[in-house]
């Protein structure tokens, strides 16, 4: 290029795309702080750890079978009852089973290589 190089000049569109879009920001919410309360009283003091005994929650009401009482009170809708009933599925008999077998496959004669591969191999013990 005869010692001169062209300097790349981006198009106006590329310059516009390179600039960040002006977006609306969330307003900065400043909470009012009560200055009369010192910050050290905000939470429990980790140095003054005392053992606190918490009673376990009462057990849930269950029946002898282990099913909750709310589940026993449940009333199923008509649609659920209809879906829960077993449907009778008719069994297909062998006579009604229609399978199509090509007539040429009934008279198939295997090739010599197929017969060779079908024979079991003798394993010689040494």
C-alpha atoms as a PDB file:
ATOM      1  CA  UNK A   1       0.000   0.000   0.000  1.00  0.00           C
ATOM      2  CA  UNK A   2       2.759   2.457  -0.766  1.00  0.00           C
ATOM      3  CA  UNK A   3       3.386   3.320   2.901  1.00  0.00           C
ATOM      4  CA  UNK A   4       0.037   5.024   3.481  1.00  0.00           C
ATOM      5  CA  UNK A   5      -2.660   3.451   5.584  1.00  0.00           C
ATOM      6  CA  UNK A   6      -6.276   4.402   5.651  1.00  0.00           C
ATOM      7  CA  UNK A   7      -7.644   5.293   9.050  1.00  0.00           C
ATOM      8  CA  UNK A   8     -10.927   3.608   9.834  1.00  0.00           C
ATOM      9  CA  UNK A   9     -13.786   6.068  10.209  1.00  0.00           C
ATOM     10  CA  UNK A  10     -16.866   4.560  11.854  1.00  0.00           C
ATOM     11  CA  UNK A  11     -20.188   5.482  10.382  1.00  0.00           C
ATOM     12  CA  UNK A  12     -22.656   7.713  12.180  1.00  0.00           C
ATOM     13  CA  UNK A  13     -24.904   4.708  12.907  1.00  0.00           C
ATOM     14  CA  UNK A  14     -22.085   2.799  14.621  1.00  0.00           C
ATOM     15  CA  UNK A  15     -21.230   5.844  16.720  1.00  0.00           C
ATOM     16  CA  UNK A  16     -24.877   6.144  17.784  1.00  0.00           C
ATOM     17  CA  UNK A  17     -25.010   2.481  18.747  1.00  0.00           C
ATOM     18  CA  UNK A  18     -21.795   2.789  20.752  1.00  0.00           C
ATOM     19  CA  UNK A  19     -23.309   5.395  23.071  1.00  0.00           C
ATOM     20  CA  UNK A  20     -25.211   4.022  26.081  1.00  0.00           C
ATOM     21  CA  UNK A  21     -28.933   4.630  26.117  1.00  0.00           C
ATOM     22  CA  UNK A  22     -30.406   7.029  28.646  1.00  0.00           C
ATOM     23  CA  UNK A  23     -32.488   4.917  31.003  1.00  0.00           C
ATOM     24  CA  UNK A  24     -34.735   5.876  33.806  1.00  0.00           C
ATOM     25  CA  UNK A  25     -33.341   4.952  37.161  1.00  0.00           C
ATOM     26  CA  UNK A  26     -35.251   4.059  40.269  1.00  0.00           C
ATOM     27  CA  UNK A  27     -35.469   6.952  42.676  1.00  0.00           C
ATOM     28  CA  UNK A  28     -33.035   6.728  45.568  1.00  0.00           C
ATOM     29  CA  UNK A  29     -35.009   6.030  48.729  1.00  0.00           C
ATOM     30  CA  UNK A  30     -33.412   7.406  51.860  1.00  0.00           C
ATOM     31  CA  UNK A  31     -34.794   5.944  55.054  1.00  0.00           C
ATOM     32  CA  UNK A  32     -34.981   8.168  58.038  1.00  0.00           C
ATOM     33  CA  UNK A  33     -32.787   6.999  60.881  1.00  0.00           C
ATOM     34  CA  UNK A  34     -33.723   7.538  64.488  1.00  0.00           C
ATOM     35  CA  UNK A  35     -30.500   8.923  65.925  1.00  0.00           C
ATOM     36  CA  UNK A  36     -31.616   8.425  69.531  1.00  0.00           C
ATOM     37  CA  UNK A  37     -31.247   4.650  69.232  1.00  0.00           C
ATOM     38  CA  UNK A  38     -27.596   3.607  69.173  1.00  0.00           C
ATOM     39  CA  UNK A  39     -26.656   1.129  66.491  1.00  0.00           C
ATOM     40  CA  UNK A  40     -25.260  -1.383  68.979  1.00  0.00           C
ATOM     41  CA  UNK A  41     -28.755  -2.086  70.384  1.00  0.00           C
ATOM     42  CA  UNK A  42     -30.087  -2.996  66.926  1.00  0.00           C
ATOM     43  CA  UNK A  43     -29.688  -6.765  67.286  1.00  0.00           C
ATOM     44  CA  UNK A  44     -28.786  -9.365  69.882  1.00  0.00           C
ATOM     45  CA  UNK A  45     -25.299  -9.173  71.293  1.00  0.00           C
ATOM     46  CA  UNK A  46     -23.305 -12.154  69.991  1.00  0.00           C
ATOM     47  CA  UNK A  47     -21.118 -12.125  73.110  1.00  0.00           C
ATOM     48  CA  UNK A  48     -24.081 -12.626  75.438  1.00  0.00           C
ATOM     49  CA  UNK A  49     -25.235 -15.935  74.057  1.00  0.00           C
ATOM     50  CA  UNK A  50     -27.750 -17.578  76.323  1.00  0.00           C
ATOM     51  CA  UNK A  51     -29.327 -20.948  75.851  1.00  0.00           C
ATOM     52  CA  UNK A  52     -32.946 -20.616  74.905  1.00  0.00           C
ATOM     53  CA  UNK A  53     -35.135 -23.705  75.123  1.00  0.00           C
ATOM     54  CA  UNK A  54     -37.780 -23.889  72.430  1.00  0.00           C
ATOM     55  CA  UNK A  55     -40.568 -26.379  72.852  1.00  0.00           C
ATOM     56  CA  UNK A  56     -41.152 -28.589  69.805  1.00  0.00           C
ATOM     57  CA  UNK A  57     -44.258 -27.859  67.760  1.00  0.00           C
ATOM     58  CA  UNK A  58     -47.277 -30.008  68.563  1.00  0.00           C
ATOM     59  CA  UNK A  59     -47.685 -33.040  66.294  1.00  0.00           C
ATOM     60  CA  UNK A  60     -50.151 -32.769  63.465  1.00  0.00           C
ATOM     61  CA  UNK A  61     -53.453 -34.519  63.893  1.00  0.00           C
ATOM     62  CA  UNK A  62     -53.295 -37.879  62.177  1.00  0.00           C
ATOM     63  CA  UNK A  63     -55.465 -40.942  62.308  1.00  0.00           C
ATOM     64  CA  UNK A  64     -54.459 -44.516  63.048  1.00  0.00           C
ATOM     65  CA  UNK A  65     -53.656 -45.060  59.390  1.00  0.00           C
ATOM     66  CA  UNK A  66     -51.381 -42.017  59.241  1.00  0.00           C
ATOM     67  CA  UNK A  67     -53.668 -40.084  56.896  1.00  0.00           C
ATOM     68  CA  UNK A  68     -54.370 -36.499  57.911  1.00  0.00           C
ATOM     69  CA  UNK A  69     -57.888 -35.605  58.951  1.00  0.00           C
ATOM     70  CA  UNK A  70     -58.146 -32.969  56.204  1.00  0.00           C
ATOM     71  CA  UNK A  71     -57.452 -35.664  53.600  1.00  0.00           C
ATOM     72  CA  UNK A  72     -60.191 -37.813  55.067  1.00  0.00           C
ATOM     73  CA  UNK A  73     -62.671 -34.939  54.829  1.00  0.00           C
ATOM     74  CA  UNK A  74     -61.899 -34.347  51.133  1.00  0.00           C
ATOM     75  CA  UNK A  75     -64.863 -34.723  48.789  1.00  0.00           C
ATOM     76  CA  UNK A  76     -63.876 -35.649  45.238  1.00  0.00           C
ATOM     77  CA  UNK A  77     -65.556 -33.924  42.302  1.00  0.00           C
ATOM     78  CA  UNK A  78     -67.655 -35.798  39.776  1.00  0.00           C
ATOM     79  CA  UNK A  79     -64.883 -35.615  37.185  1.00  0.00           C
ATOM     80  CA  UNK A  80     -62.332 -37.141  39.601  1.00  0.00           C
ATOM     81  CA  UNK A  81     -64.794 -39.902  40.482  1.00  0.00           C
ATOM     82  CA  UNK A  82     -65.379 -40.622  36.783  1.00  0.00           C
ATOM     83  CA  UNK A  83     -61.657 -40.780  36.090  1.00  0.00           C
ATOM     84  CA  UNK A  84     -61.068 -43.076  39.079  1.00  0.00           C
ATOM     85  CA  UNK A  85     -63.401 -45.755  37.751  1.00  0.00           C
ATOM     86  CA  UNK A  86     -61.591 -48.489  35.794  1.00  0.00           C
ATOM     87  CA  UNK A  87     -62.508 -48.787  32.141  1.00  0.00           C
ATOM     88  CA  UNK A  88     -63.043 -52.090  30.465  1.00  0.00           C
ATOM     89  CA  UNK A  89     -60.516 -52.548  27.702  1.00  0.00           C
ATOM     90  CA  UNK A  90     -61.564 -55.142  25.144  1.00  0.00           C
ATOM     91  CA  UNK A  91     -58.976 -57.857  24.687  1.00  0.00           C
ATOM     92  CA  UNK A  92     -57.858 -58.532  21.160  1.00  0.00           C
ATOM     93  CA  UNK A  93     -57.945 -62.136  20.114  1.00  0.00           C
ATOM     94  CA  UNK A  94     -55.344 -63.665  17.848  1.00  0.00           C
ATOM     95  CA  UNK A  95     -57.915 -64.078  15.117  1.00  0.00           C
ATOM     96  CA  UNK A  96     -58.583 -60.355  15.012  1.00  0.00           C
ATOM     97  CA  UNK A  97     -54.918 -59.392  15.001  1.00  0.00           C
ATOM     98  CA  UNK A  98     -54.161 -58.464  11.423  1.00  0.00           C
ATOM     99  CA  UNK A  99     -50.475 -58.456  10.569  1.00  0.00           C
ATOM    100  CA  UNK A 100     -49.259 -58.112   7.043  1.00  0.00           C
ATOM    101  CA  UNK A 101     -46.467 -60.435   5.950  1.00  0.00           C
ATOM    102  CA  UNK A 102     -45.172 -60.180   2.450  1.00  0.00           C
ATOM    103  CA  UNK A 103     -45.562 -63.441   0.501  1.00  0.00           C
ATOM    104  CA  UNK A 104     -41.913 -63.385  -0.591  1.00  0.00           C
ATOM    105  CA  UNK A 105     -40.800 -63.495   3.050  1.00  0.00           C
ATOM    106  CA  UNK A 106     -42.625 -66.780   3.582  1.00  0.00           C
ATOM    107  CA  UNK A 107     -40.429 -68.421   0.924  1.00  0.00           C
ATOM    108  CA  UNK A 108     -37.157 -66.790   2.046  1.00  0.00           C
ATOM    109  CA  UNK A 109     -33.995 -68.739   1.387  1.00  0.00           C
ATOM    110  CA  UNK A 110     -30.928 -67.450   3.235  1.00  0.00           C
ATOM    111  CA  UNK A 111     -27.696 -66.830   1.405  1.00  0.00           C
ATOM    112  CA  UNK A 112     -24.564 -68.902   1.956  1.00  0.00           C
ATOM    113  CA  UNK A 113     -22.998 -66.179   4.143  1.00  0.00           C
ATOM    114  CA  UNK A 114     -26.095 -65.992   6.371  1.00  0.00           C
ATOM    115  CA  UNK A 115     -25.961 -69.772   6.834  1.00  0.00           C
ATOM    116  CA  UNK A 116     -22.265 -69.592   7.728  1.00  0.00           C
ATOM    117  CA  UNK A 117     -22.919 -66.869  10.316  1.00  0.00           C
ATOM    118  CA  UNK A 118     -25.850 -68.798  11.794  1.00  0.00           C
ATOM    119  CA  UNK A 119     -23.753 -71.872  12.626  1.00  0.00           C
ATOM    120  CA  UNK A 120     -22.213 -71.897  16.121  1.00  0.00           C
ATOM    121  CA  UNK A 121     -18.445 -71.773  16.230  1.00  0.00           C
ATOM    122  CA  UNK A 122     -16.368 -74.452  17.853  1.00  0.00           C
ATOM    123  CA  UNK A 123     -14.136 -73.137  20.603  1.00  0.00           C
ATOM    124  CA  UNK A 124     -10.909 -75.073  21.035  1.00  0.00           C
ATOM    125  CA  UNK A 125      -9.692 -75.347  24.609  1.00  0.00           C
ATOM    126  CA  UNK A 126      -5.951 -75.284  25.032  1.00  0.00           C
END
